[in-house]
C-alpha atoms as a PDB file:
ATOM      1  CA  MET A   1     -16.634  -4.591 -25.854  1.00  0.00           C
ATOM      2  CA  ASN A   2     -13.482  -6.710 -26.155  1.00  0.00           C
ATOM      3  CA  ARG A   3     -13.279 -10.102 -24.500  1.00  0.00           C
ATOM      4  CA  ILE A   4     -10.232 -10.597 -22.232  1.00  0.00           C
ATOM      5  CA  ALA A   5      -8.328 -13.727 -23.259  1.00  0.00           C
ATOM      6  CA  GLU A   6      -7.733 -16.709 -20.978  1.00  0.00           C
ATOM      7  CA  SER A   7      -3.976 -16.045 -20.943  1.00  0.00           C
ATOM      8  CA  GLU A   8      -4.473 -12.455 -19.694  1.00  0.00           C
ATOM      9  CA  LEU A   9      -7.080 -13.024 -16.978  1.00  0.00           C
ATOM     10  CA  ILE A  10      -6.544 -16.482 -15.521  1.00  0.00           C
ATOM     11  CA  ILE A  11      -9.604 -17.963 -13.804  1.00  0.00           C
ATOM     12  CA  ASN A  12      -9.258 -21.293 -12.047  1.00  0.00           C
ATOM     13  CA  PRO A  13     -11.756 -24.192 -12.208  1.00  0.00           C
ATOM     14  CA  ARG A  14     -13.739 -22.934  -9.213  1.00  0.00           C
ATOM     15  CA  GLY A  15     -14.276 -19.572 -10.903  1.00  0.00           C
ATOM     16  CA  ALA A  16     -11.673 -17.725  -8.836  1.00  0.00           C
ATOM     17  CA  VAL A  17      -8.971 -15.327  -9.983  1.00  0.00           C
ATOM     18  CA  TYR A  18      -5.586 -17.034 -10.365  1.00  0.00           C
ATOM     19  CA  HIS A  19      -3.269 -15.758  -7.598  1.00  0.00           C
ATOM     20  CA  LEU A  20      -5.715 -14.593  -4.923  1.00  0.00           C
ATOM     21  CA  ASP A  21      -7.970 -17.645  -5.463  1.00  0.00           C
ATOM     22  CA  LEU A  22     -11.049 -15.508  -4.794  1.00  0.00           C
ATOM     23  CA  ARG A  23     -14.425 -15.261  -6.485  1.00  0.00           C
ATOM     24  CA  PRO A  24     -16.072 -11.840  -6.929  1.00  0.00           C
ATOM     25  CA  GLU A  25     -18.604 -12.386  -4.143  1.00  0.00           C
ATOM     26  CA  GLU A  26     -15.834 -13.193  -1.656  1.00  0.00           C
ATOM     27  CA  ILE A  27     -14.475  -9.633  -1.303  1.00  0.00           C
ATOM     28  CA  ALA A  28     -16.022  -6.586   0.350  1.00  0.00           C
ATOM     29  CA  GLY A  29     -16.037  -2.995  -0.844  1.00  0.00           C
ATOM     30  CA  THR A  30     -13.344  -2.117   1.703  1.00  0.00           C
ATOM     31  CA  VAL A  31     -10.137  -4.166   1.615  1.00  0.00           C
ATOM     32  CA  ILE A  32      -7.364  -3.908   4.196  1.00  0.00           C
ATOM     33  CA  THR A  33      -4.061  -5.125   2.781  1.00  0.00           C
ATOM     34  CA  VAL A  34      -1.261  -6.395   5.004  1.00  0.00           C
ATOM     35  CA  GLY A  35       2.141  -7.653   3.922  1.00  0.00           C
ATOM     36  CA  ASP A  36       2.518 -10.381   6.542  1.00  0.00           C
ATOM     37  CA  PRO A  37       0.159 -13.374   6.092  1.00  0.00           C
ATOM     38  CA  ASP A  38       0.114 -13.878   9.878  1.00  0.00           C
ATOM     39  CA  ARG A  39      -1.293 -10.361  10.280  1.00  0.00           C
ATOM     40  CA  VAL A  40      -4.562 -11.338   8.589  1.00  0.00           C
ATOM     41  CA  ARG A  41      -5.823 -13.150  11.680  1.00  0.00           C
ATOM     42  CA  GLU A  42      -4.560 -10.289  13.849  1.00  0.00           C
ATOM     43  CA  VAL A  43      -6.986  -8.055  11.961  1.00  0.00           C
ATOM     44  CA  SER A  44      -9.905 -10.474  11.576  1.00  0.00           C
ATOM     45  CA  LYS A  45      -9.895 -11.400  15.280  1.00  0.00           C
ATOM     46  CA  HIS A  46     -11.569  -8.017  15.733  1.00  0.00           C
ATOM     47  CA  PHE A  47     -14.375  -8.849  13.271  1.00  0.00           C
ATOM     48  CA  ASP A  48     -17.789  -9.731  14.699  1.00  0.00           C
ATOM     49  CA  SER A  49     -18.014 -12.588  12.204  1.00  0.00           C
ATOM     50  CA  VAL A  50     -15.934 -14.109   9.386  1.00  0.00           C
ATOM     51  CA  GLU A  51     -17.712 -15.615   6.382  1.00  0.00           C
ATOM     52  CA  VAL A  52     -14.803 -16.261   3.979  1.00  0.00           C
ATOM     53  CA  ARG A  53     -11.406 -17.768   4.755  1.00  0.00           C
ATOM     54  CA  SER A  54      -9.106 -18.419   1.813  1.00  0.00           C
ATOM     55  CA  GLN A  55      -5.408 -19.149   1.349  1.00  0.00           C
ATOM     56  CA  HIS A  56      -3.328 -19.506  -1.809  1.00  0.00           C
ATOM     57  CA  ARG A  57       0.449 -19.027  -1.654  1.00  0.00           C
ATOM     58  CA  GLU A  58       1.133 -15.894   0.432  1.00  0.00           C
ATOM     59  CA  PHE A  59      -2.349 -14.518  -0.284  1.00  0.00           C
ATOM     60  CA  ILE A  60      -4.561 -15.145   2.750  1.00  0.00           C
ATOM     61  CA  THR A  61      -8.020 -13.568   2.788  1.00  0.00           C
ATOM     62  CA  HIS A  62     -10.652 -13.200   5.503  1.00  0.00           C
ATOM     63  CA  THR A  63     -13.936 -11.435   4.724  1.00  0.00           C
ATOM     64  CA  GLY A  64     -16.431 -10.679   7.447  1.00  0.00           C
ATOM     65  CA  TYR A  65     -18.366  -8.046   9.316  1.00  0.00           C
ATOM     66  CA  ILE A  66     -17.829  -5.351  11.903  1.00  0.00           C
ATOM     67  CA  GLY A  67     -21.352  -4.552  12.923  1.00  0.00           C
ATOM     68  CA  LYS A  68     -23.264  -4.316   9.658  1.00  0.00           C
ATOM     69  CA  LYS A  69     -20.220  -3.250   7.654  1.00  0.00           C
ATOM     70  CA  ARG A  70     -18.571  -5.867   5.437  1.00  0.00           C
ATOM     71  CA  ILE A  71     -14.776  -5.815   5.227  1.00  0.00           C
ATOM     72  CA  THR A  72     -11.963  -7.908   3.740  1.00  0.00           C
ATOM     73  CA  VAL A  73      -8.387  -8.293   4.967  1.00  0.00           C
ATOM     74  CA  LEU A  74      -5.879  -9.652   2.450  1.00  0.00           C
ATOM     75  CA  SER A  75      -2.189 -10.441   2.796  1.00  0.00           C
ATOM     76  CA  THR A  76      -0.118  -9.411  -0.197  1.00  0.00           C
ATOM     77  CA  GLY A  77       3.362 -10.538   0.781  1.00  0.00           C
ATOM     78  CA  ILE A  78       6.231  -8.068   0.535  1.00  0.00           C
ATOM     79  CA  GLY A  79       7.061  -5.715  -2.312  1.00  0.00           C
ATOM     80  CA  PRO A  80       5.597  -3.805  -5.264  1.00  0.00           C
ATOM     81  CA  ASP A  81       5.582  -6.879  -7.526  1.00  0.00           C
ATOM     82  CA  ASN A  82       3.079  -8.548  -5.199  1.00  0.00           C
ATOM     83  CA  ILE A  83       1.039  -5.341  -5.071  1.00  0.00           C
ATOM     84  CA  ASP A  84       0.832  -5.438  -8.872  1.00  0.00           C
ATOM     85  CA  ILE A  85      -0.830  -8.852  -8.577  1.00  0.00           C
ATOM     86  CA  ALA A  86      -3.063  -8.019  -5.628  1.00  0.00           C
ATOM     87  CA  VAL A  87      -4.466  -4.689  -6.844  1.00  0.00           C
ATOM     88  CA  ASN A  88      -5.017  -5.829 -10.446  1.00  0.00           C
ATOM     89  CA  GLU A  89      -6.781  -8.981  -9.279  1.00  0.00           C
ATOM     90  CA  LEU A  90      -8.907  -7.097  -6.734  1.00  0.00           C
ATOM     91  CA  ASP A  91      -9.950  -4.767  -9.532  1.00  0.00           C
ATOM     92  CA  ALA A  92     -10.740  -7.735 -11.785  1.00  0.00           C
ATOM     93  CA  LEU A  93     -12.955  -9.210  -9.053  1.00  0.00           C
ATOM     94  CA  ALA A  94     -14.851  -5.922  -8.771  1.00  0.00           C
ATOM     95  CA  ASN A  95     -14.994  -4.760 -12.381  1.00  0.00           C
ATOM     96  CA  ILE A  96     -14.705  -7.664 -14.816  1.00  0.00           C
ATOM     97  CA  ASP A  97     -17.526 -10.116 -15.544  1.00  0.00           C
ATOM     98  CA  PHE A  98     -15.914 -13.538 -15.140  1.00  0.00           C
ATOM     99  CA  ASN A  99     -18.554 -15.192 -17.331  1.00  0.00           C
ATOM    100  CA  THR A 100     -18.258 -12.922 -20.380  1.00  0.00           C
ATOM    101  CA  ARG A 101     -14.631 -11.877 -19.681  1.00  0.00           C
ATOM    102  CA  GLN A 102     -15.597  -8.288 -20.401  1.00  0.00           C
ATOM    103  CA  ILE A 103     -15.196  -5.110 -18.376  1.00  0.00           C
ATOM    104  CA  LYS A 104     -18.460  -4.247 -16.649  1.00  0.00           C
ATOM    105  CA  SER A 105     -20.385  -1.221 -17.882  1.00  0.00           C
ATOM    106  CA  ARG A 106     -20.762   0.058 -14.319  1.00  0.00           C
ATOM    107  CA  LEU A 107     -17.439   0.230 -12.489  1.00  0.00           C
ATOM    108  CA  VAL A 108     -16.913  -0.039  -8.735  1.00  0.00           C
ATOM    109  CA  SER A 109     -14.385   1.935  -6.681  1.00  0.00           C
ATOM    110  CA  LEU A 110     -12.966  -0.112  -3.821  1.00  0.00           C
ATOM    111  CA  ASN A 111     -11.493   1.306  -0.622  1.00  0.00           C
ATOM    112  CA  ILE A 112      -8.005  -0.218  -0.332  1.00  0.00           C
ATOM    113  CA  ILE A 113      -6.229   0.513   2.943  1.00  0.00           C
ATOM    114  CA  ARG A 114      -2.716  -0.726   3.635  1.00  0.00           C
ATOM    115  CA  VAL A 115      -1.945  -1.498   7.289  1.00  0.00           C
ATOM    116  CA  GLY A 116       1.785  -2.075   7.511  1.00  0.00           C
ATOM    117  CA  THR A 117       5.111  -1.414   9.165  1.00  0.00           C
ATOM    118  CA  SER A 118       7.709   1.106   8.174  1.00  0.00           C
ATOM    119  CA  GLY A 119      10.916   2.986   8.956  1.00  0.00           C
ATOM    120  CA  SER A 120      10.846   6.640   9.987  1.00  0.00           C
ATOM    121  CA  LEU A 121      12.948   9.220   8.136  1.00  0.00           C
ATOM    122  CA  GLN A 122      12.326  12.137  10.507  1.00  0.00           C
ATOM    123  CA  GLY A 123      13.818  12.587  13.961  1.00  0.00           C
ATOM    124  CA  ASP A 124      10.472  13.613  15.477  1.00  0.00           C
ATOM    125  CA  ILE A 125       8.622  10.522  14.194  1.00  0.00           C
ATOM    126  CA  HIS A 126       9.728   7.981  16.749  1.00  0.00           C
ATOM    127  CA  ALA A 127       9.352   4.220  16.925  1.00  0.00           C
ATOM    128  CA  ASP A 128       5.754   3.134  17.672  1.00  0.00           C
ATOM    129  CA  SER A 129       4.326   6.267  15.983  1.00  0.00           C
ATOM    130  CA  LEU A 130       1.595   5.998  13.342  1.00  0.00           C
ATOM    131  CA  VAL A 131       1.858   7.525   9.864  1.00  0.00           C
ATOM    132  CA  ALA A 132      -0.807   8.170   7.219  1.00  0.00           C
ATOM    133  CA  SER A 133       0.777   8.657   3.793  1.00  0.00           C
ATOM    134  CA  THR A 134      -0.236  11.789   1.886  1.00  0.00           C
ATOM    135  CA  HIS A 135       1.680  10.510  -1.156  1.00  0.00           C
ATOM    136  CA  GLY A 136       3.473   7.395  -2.292  1.00  0.00           C
ATOM    137  CA  LEU A 137       6.768   8.211  -4.005  1.00  0.00           C
ATOM    138  CA  GLY A 138       8.037   5.203  -5.913  1.00  0.00           C
ATOM    139  CA  LEU A 139      11.675   4.251  -6.318  1.00  0.00           C
ATOM    140  CA  ASP A 140      10.551   0.817  -7.501  1.00  0.00           C
ATOM    141  CA  ASN A 141       9.757   1.494 -11.207  1.00  0.00           C
ATOM    142  CA  LEU A 142       6.491  -0.536 -11.203  1.00  0.00           C
ATOM    143  CA  LEU A 143       4.230   2.258 -12.425  1.00  0.00           C
ATOM    144  CA  ASN A 144       6.621   3.048 -15.270  1.00  0.00           C
ATOM    145  CA  PHE A 145       5.225  -0.053 -16.973  1.00  0.00           C
ATOM    146  CA  TYR A 146       1.781   1.603 -17.111  1.00  0.00           C
ATOM    147  CA  ARG A 147       0.472   4.713 -18.864  1.00  0.00           C
ATOM    148  CA  MET A 148       0.375   7.039 -15.903  1.00  0.00           C
ATOM    149  CA  GLU A 149      -0.488  10.736 -15.776  1.00  0.00           C
ATOM    150  CA  GLN A 150       0.278  12.950 -12.805  1.00  0.00           C
ATOM    151  CA  ASN A 151      -1.456  16.156 -11.742  1.00  0.00           C
ATOM    152  CA  GLU A 152       0.348  19.482 -11.610  1.00  0.00           C
ATOM    153  CA  GLU A 153       1.207  19.304  -7.895  1.00  0.00           C
ATOM    154  CA  GLU A 154       2.574  15.781  -8.312  1.00  0.00           C
ATOM    155  CA  LYS A 155       4.684  16.867 -11.286  1.00  0.00           C
ATOM    156  CA  GLN A 156       6.160  19.791  -9.355  1.00  0.00           C
ATOM    157  CA  LEU A 157       6.806  17.690  -6.262  1.00  0.00           C
ATOM    158  CA  LEU A 158       8.499  14.992  -8.311  1.00  0.00           C
ATOM    159  CA  HIS A 159      10.633  17.515 -10.180  1.00  0.00           C
ATOM    160  CA  SER A 160      11.746  19.021  -6.861  1.00  0.00           C
ATOM    161  CA  PHE A 161      12.570  15.543  -5.505  1.00  0.00           C
ATOM    162  CA  VAL A 162      14.643  14.575  -8.532  1.00  0.00           C
ATOM    163  CA  THR A 163      16.519  17.886  -8.409  1.00  0.00           C
ATOM    164  CA  HIS A 164      17.213  17.451  -4.696  1.00  0.00           C
ATOM    165  CA  THR A 165      18.344  13.817  -4.799  1.00  0.00           C
ATOM    166  CA  GLN A 166      19.855  13.679  -8.304  1.00  0.00           C
ATOM    167  CA  MET A 167      18.617  10.086  -8.476  1.00  0.00           C
ATOM    168  CA  HIS A 168      16.785  10.203 -11.803  1.00  0.00           C
ATOM    169  CA  GLY A 169      18.358   7.981 -14.438  1.00  0.00           C
ATOM    170  CA  GLN A 170      21.074   6.520 -12.204  1.00  0.00           C
ATOM    171  CA  MET A 171      19.064   3.569 -10.927  1.00  0.00           C
ATOM    172  CA  ILE A 172      15.425   4.616 -11.027  1.00  0.00           C
ATOM    173  CA  PHE A 173      12.759   6.738 -12.656  1.00  0.00           C
ATOM    174  CA  PRO A 174      10.717   7.989  -9.678  1.00  0.00           C
ATOM    175  CA  TYR A 175       6.946   8.462  -9.792  1.00  0.00           C
ATOM    176  CA  ILE A 176       4.423   9.780  -7.290  1.00  0.00           C
ATOM    177  CA  SER A 177       0.710   9.394  -6.508  1.00  0.00           C
ATOM    178  CA  SER A 178      -1.542  10.925  -3.876  1.00  0.00           C
ATOM    179  CA  ALA A 179      -3.682   9.340  -1.181  1.00  0.00           C
ATOM    180  CA  SER A 180      -7.458   9.332  -1.451  1.00  0.00           C
ATOM    181  CA  ALA A 181      -8.716  12.591   0.049  1.00  0.00           C
ATOM    182  CA  SER A 182     -11.945  10.862   1.111  1.00  0.00           C
ATOM    183  CA  LEU A 183      -9.985   8.396   3.263  1.00  0.00           C
ATOM    184  CA  ILE A 184      -7.001  10.315   4.650  1.00  0.00           C
ATOM    185  CA  LYS A 185      -9.220  13.038   6.125  1.00  0.00           C
ATOM    186  CA  HIS A 186     -10.293  10.520   8.790  1.00  0.00           C
ATOM    187  CA  PHE A 187      -6.708   9.696   9.801  1.00  0.00           C
ATOM    188  CA  VAL A 188      -5.433  12.931  11.330  1.00  0.00           C
ATOM    189  CA  LYS A 189      -5.690  12.672  15.119  1.00  0.00           C
ATOM    190  CA  GLY A 190      -2.922  10.437  16.422  1.00  0.00           C
ATOM    191  CA  PHE A 191      -1.233  10.155  13.020  1.00  0.00           C
ATOM    192  CA  HIS A 192       1.756  11.871  11.485  1.00  0.00           C
ATOM    193  CA  GLN A 193       1.198  12.660   7.812  1.00  0.00           C
ATOM    194  CA  GLY A 194       3.860  12.802   5.126  1.00  0.00           C
ATOM    195  CA  ILE A 195       5.227  11.402   1.899  1.00  0.00           C
ATOM    196  CA  THR A 196       6.045   7.698   2.001  1.00  0.00           C
ATOM    197  CA  VAL A 197       8.882   6.514  -0.226  1.00  0.00           C
ATOM    198  CA  THR A 198       8.530   2.981  -1.589  1.00  0.00           C
ATOM    199  CA  CYS A 199      11.712   1.001  -2.215  1.00  0.00           C
ATOM    200  CA  PRO A 200      12.168  -2.225  -4.231  1.00  0.00           C
ATOM    201  CA  GLY A 201      14.106  -3.948  -1.437  1.00  0.00           C
ATOM    202  CA  PHE A 202      14.880  -3.886   2.282  1.00  0.00           C
ATOM    203  CA  TYR A 203      18.667  -3.661   2.488  1.00  0.00           C
ATOM    204  CA  GLY A 204      20.598  -1.720  -0.172  1.00  0.00           C
ATOM    205  CA  PRO A 205      17.493   0.029  -1.559  1.00  0.00           C
ATOM    206  CA  GLN A 206      16.793   1.373   1.937  1.00  0.00           C
ATOM    207  CA  GLY A 207      20.393   2.344   2.634  1.00  0.00           C
ATOM    208  CA  ARG A 208      21.259  -0.608   4.873  1.00  0.00           C
ATOM    209  CA  VAL A 209      24.831  -1.898   4.765  1.00  0.00           C
ATOM    210  CA  LEU A 210      25.690  -5.436   5.866  1.00  0.00           C
ATOM    211  CA  ARG A 211      28.442  -7.027   3.745  1.00  0.00           C
ATOM    212  CA  LEU A 212      27.714  -5.203   0.491  1.00  0.00           C
ATOM    213  CA  GLY A 213      28.617  -1.629  -0.301  1.00  0.00           C
ATOM    214  CA  ILE A 214      25.814   0.505  -1.706  1.00  0.00           C
ATOM    215  CA  ARG A 215      25.781   2.860  -4.654  1.00  0.00           C
ATOM    216  CA  TYR A 216      23.878   5.682  -2.942  1.00  0.00           C
ATOM    217  CA  PRO A 217      25.175   5.951   0.665  1.00  0.00           C
ATOM    218  CA  GLN A 218      23.672   9.409   1.163  1.00  0.00           C
ATOM    219  CA  LEU A 219      20.117   8.110   0.528  1.00  0.00           C
ATOM    220  CA  ILE A 220      18.684   8.532   4.020  1.00  0.00           C
ATOM    221  CA  ASP A 221      20.112  12.038   4.461  1.00  0.00           C
ATOM    222  CA  ARG A 222      18.753  13.163   1.094  1.00  0.00           C
ATOM    223  CA  LEU A 223      15.294  11.762   1.850  1.00  0.00           C
ATOM    224  CA  THR A 224      15.217  13.244   5.346  1.00  0.00           C
ATOM    225  CA  ASP A 225      16.255  16.694   4.116  1.00  0.00           C
ATOM    226  CA  PHE A 226      13.738  16.920   1.266  1.00  0.00           C
ATOM    227  CA  ARG A 227      11.042  19.609   1.505  1.00  0.00           C
ATOM    228  CA  PHE A 228       8.390  20.788  -0.932  1.00  0.00           C
ATOM    229  CA  GLY A 229       6.191  23.504   0.559  1.00  0.00           C
ATOM    230  CA  PRO A 230       4.456  21.846   3.548  1.00  0.00           C
ATOM    231  CA  HIS A 231       5.484  18.364   2.404  1.00  0.00           C
ATOM    232  CA  ARG A 232       8.323  16.232   3.732  1.00  0.00           C
ATOM    233  CA  ILE A 233       9.230  12.555   3.503  1.00  0.00           C
ATOM    234  CA  SER A 234       8.065  10.872   6.687  1.00  0.00           C
ATOM    235  CA  ASN A 235       8.965   7.215   6.155  1.00  0.00           C
ATOM    236  CA  PHE A 236       9.816   4.491   3.688  1.00  0.00           C
ATOM    237  CA  GLU A 237       8.717   0.914   3.067  1.00  0.00           C
ATOM    238  CA  MET A 238       7.960  -1.391   0.103  1.00  0.00           C
ATOM    239  CA  GLU A 239       4.291  -1.126  -0.991  1.00  0.00           C
ATOM    240  CA  THR A 240       2.627   2.302  -0.774  1.00  0.00           C
ATOM    241  CA  SER A 241       3.530   3.909  -4.116  1.00  0.00           C
ATOM    242  CA  ALA A 242       2.411   0.792  -5.993  1.00  0.00           C
ATOM    243  CA  ILE A 243      -0.953   0.793  -4.210  1.00  0.00           C
ATOM    244  CA  TYR A 244      -1.461   4.516  -4.773  1.00  0.00           C
ATOM    245  CA  GLY A 245      -0.356   4.446  -8.407  1.00  0.00           C
ATOM    246  CA  LEU A 246      -2.408   1.429  -9.466  1.00  0.00           C
ATOM    247  CA  GLY A 247      -5.348   2.600  -7.367  1.00  0.00           C
ATOM    248  CA  LYS A 248      -5.329   5.966  -9.084  1.00  0.00           C
ATOM    249  CA  LEU A 249      -5.236   4.414 -12.548  1.00  0.00           C
ATOM    250  CA  LEU A 250      -8.072   2.024 -11.682  1.00  0.00           C
ATOM    251  CA  ASN A 251     -10.112   4.679  -9.824  1.00  0.00           C
ATOM    252  CA  HIS A 252      -9.993   3.067  -6.385  1.00  0.00           C
ATOM    253  CA  ASN A 253      -9.703   4.956  -3.093  1.00  0.00           C
ATOM    254  CA  CYS A 254      -6.354   4.115  -1.504  1.00  0.00           C
ATOM    255  CA  LEU A 255      -4.635   4.916   1.760  1.00  0.00           C
ATOM    256  CA  ALA A 256      -1.481   3.589   3.437  1.00  0.00           C
ATOM    257  CA  LEU A 257      -1.169   3.515   7.214  1.00  0.00           C
ATOM    258  CA  ASN A 258       2.044   2.430   8.900  1.00  0.00           C
ATOM    259  CA  ALA A 259       3.281   1.688  12.381  1.00  0.00           C
ATOM    260  CA  ILE A 260       6.850   2.914  12.711  1.00  0.00           C
ATOM    261  CA  ILE A 261       9.001   0.085  14.021  1.00  0.00           C
ATOM    262  CA  ALA A 262      12.408   1.359  12.841  1.00  0.00           C
ATOM    263  CA  ASP A 263      13.671   4.894  13.515  1.00  0.00           C
ATOM    264  CA  ARG A 264      16.338   5.229  10.820  1.00  0.00           C
ATOM    265  CA  VAL A 265      17.420   8.728  11.872  1.00  0.00           C
ATOM    266  CA  ASN A 266      18.069   7.869  15.520  1.00  0.00           C
ATOM    267  CA  LYS A 267      18.971   4.254  14.639  1.00  0.00           C
ATOM    268  CA  GLN A 268      16.474   2.685  17.006  1.00  0.00           C
ATOM    269  CA  PHE A 269      14.044  -0.218  16.682  1.00  0.00           C
ATOM    270  CA  SER A 270      10.750  -0.594  18.516  1.00  0.00           C
ATOM    271  CA  LYS A 271      10.936  -2.592  21.730  1.00  0.00           C
ATOM    272  CA  TYR A 272       7.323  -3.669  21.228  1.00  0.00           C
ATOM    273  CA  PRO A 273       6.652  -3.955  17.465  1.00  0.00           C
ATOM    274  CA  LYS A 274       3.656  -6.278  17.866  1.00  0.00           C
ATOM    275  CA  ALA A 275       2.011  -3.802  20.230  1.00  0.00           C
ATOM    276  CA  ALA A 276       2.637  -0.980  17.741  1.00  0.00           C
ATOM    277  CA  VAL A 277       0.976  -2.962  14.945  1.00  0.00           C
ATOM    278  CA  GLU A 278      -1.939  -3.944  17.196  1.00  0.00           C
ATOM    279  CA  ASN A 279      -2.462  -0.271  18.055  1.00  0.00           C
ATOM    280  CA  LEU A 280      -2.595   0.581  14.359  1.00  0.00           C
ATOM    281  CA  ILE A 281      -5.033  -2.242  13.607  1.00  0.00           C
ATOM    282  CA  VAL A 282      -7.406  -1.254  16.404  1.00  0.00           C
ATOM    283  CA  ARG A 283      -7.301   2.431  15.460  1.00  0.00           C
ATOM    284  CA  THR A 284      -7.901   1.638  11.781  1.00  0.00           C
ATOM    285  CA  LEU A 285     -10.896  -0.578  12.490  1.00  0.00           C
ATOM    286  CA  GLU A 286     -12.374   1.988  14.880  1.00  0.00           C
ATOM    287  CA  ILE A 287     -12.204   4.658  12.183  1.00  0.00           C
ATOM    288  CA  PHE A 288     -13.584   2.233   9.587  1.00  0.00           C
ATOM    289  CA  SER A 289     -16.545   1.483  11.846  1.00  0.00           C
ATOM    290  CA  GLU A 290     -17.285   5.151  12.423  1.00  0.00           C
ATOM    291  CA  HIS A 291     -16.574   6.800   9.078  1.00  0.00           C
ATOM    292  CA  ILE A 292     -15.944   4.486   6.090  1.00  0.00           C
END
């Protein structure tokens, strides 16, 4: 088996992976990812105990227990580029032997659950609602750097999306990946479900206009109007497709859960965004305790 070179997998002097600054024993089999570093303590305050606290750059990690179940919460920062770092390094912690620098013969599938905030793209999904993403549809191009294969449903859905939006080749090459069936089945009651579009930015890429004109002013209308059988686009944000795509390639179980704080159709913003996020955190941890 090939040895992974020092320039490709960077391990620091304490035996921790480069960006996350974590050693393999410091992560649990279930990892909650949050974009905001301050949200880590908002999740871990619900743990019964915390055994690991680590911080390096925007990557803050707490690992602890809820009852007898071990769980990690990790901040990734914003955007698919940070997800590329976080998911690859989580996989390295689980599936690469740091002593031999070789891929382990027995691979581990992590549960990676994003708990984030998002903007709604449907008039009936109001601010403070919760969404579980059936798919992550990427407008960010990250997964186009990897050898990615899509199943037949994903191919058909993507073809329908490209035909509807006419976006292919203008700025982006969209891709799509599905949620883990073993995880999303637990997030039905109290959750809207739909396709989450992932954008590579917050302003122009999500159709916001401040001082700059945008190339695709009809973006929100096209996303809102899209249908493929029972599927519709429920929301958009900046991480889900990268998590789903990398997770699929690395054989991890991934799910994205979002509190809606911006209603882009009705042009409203949550009056209580912190309460909406807290509701999502509590609900996620309750379901983790009972089912995952």
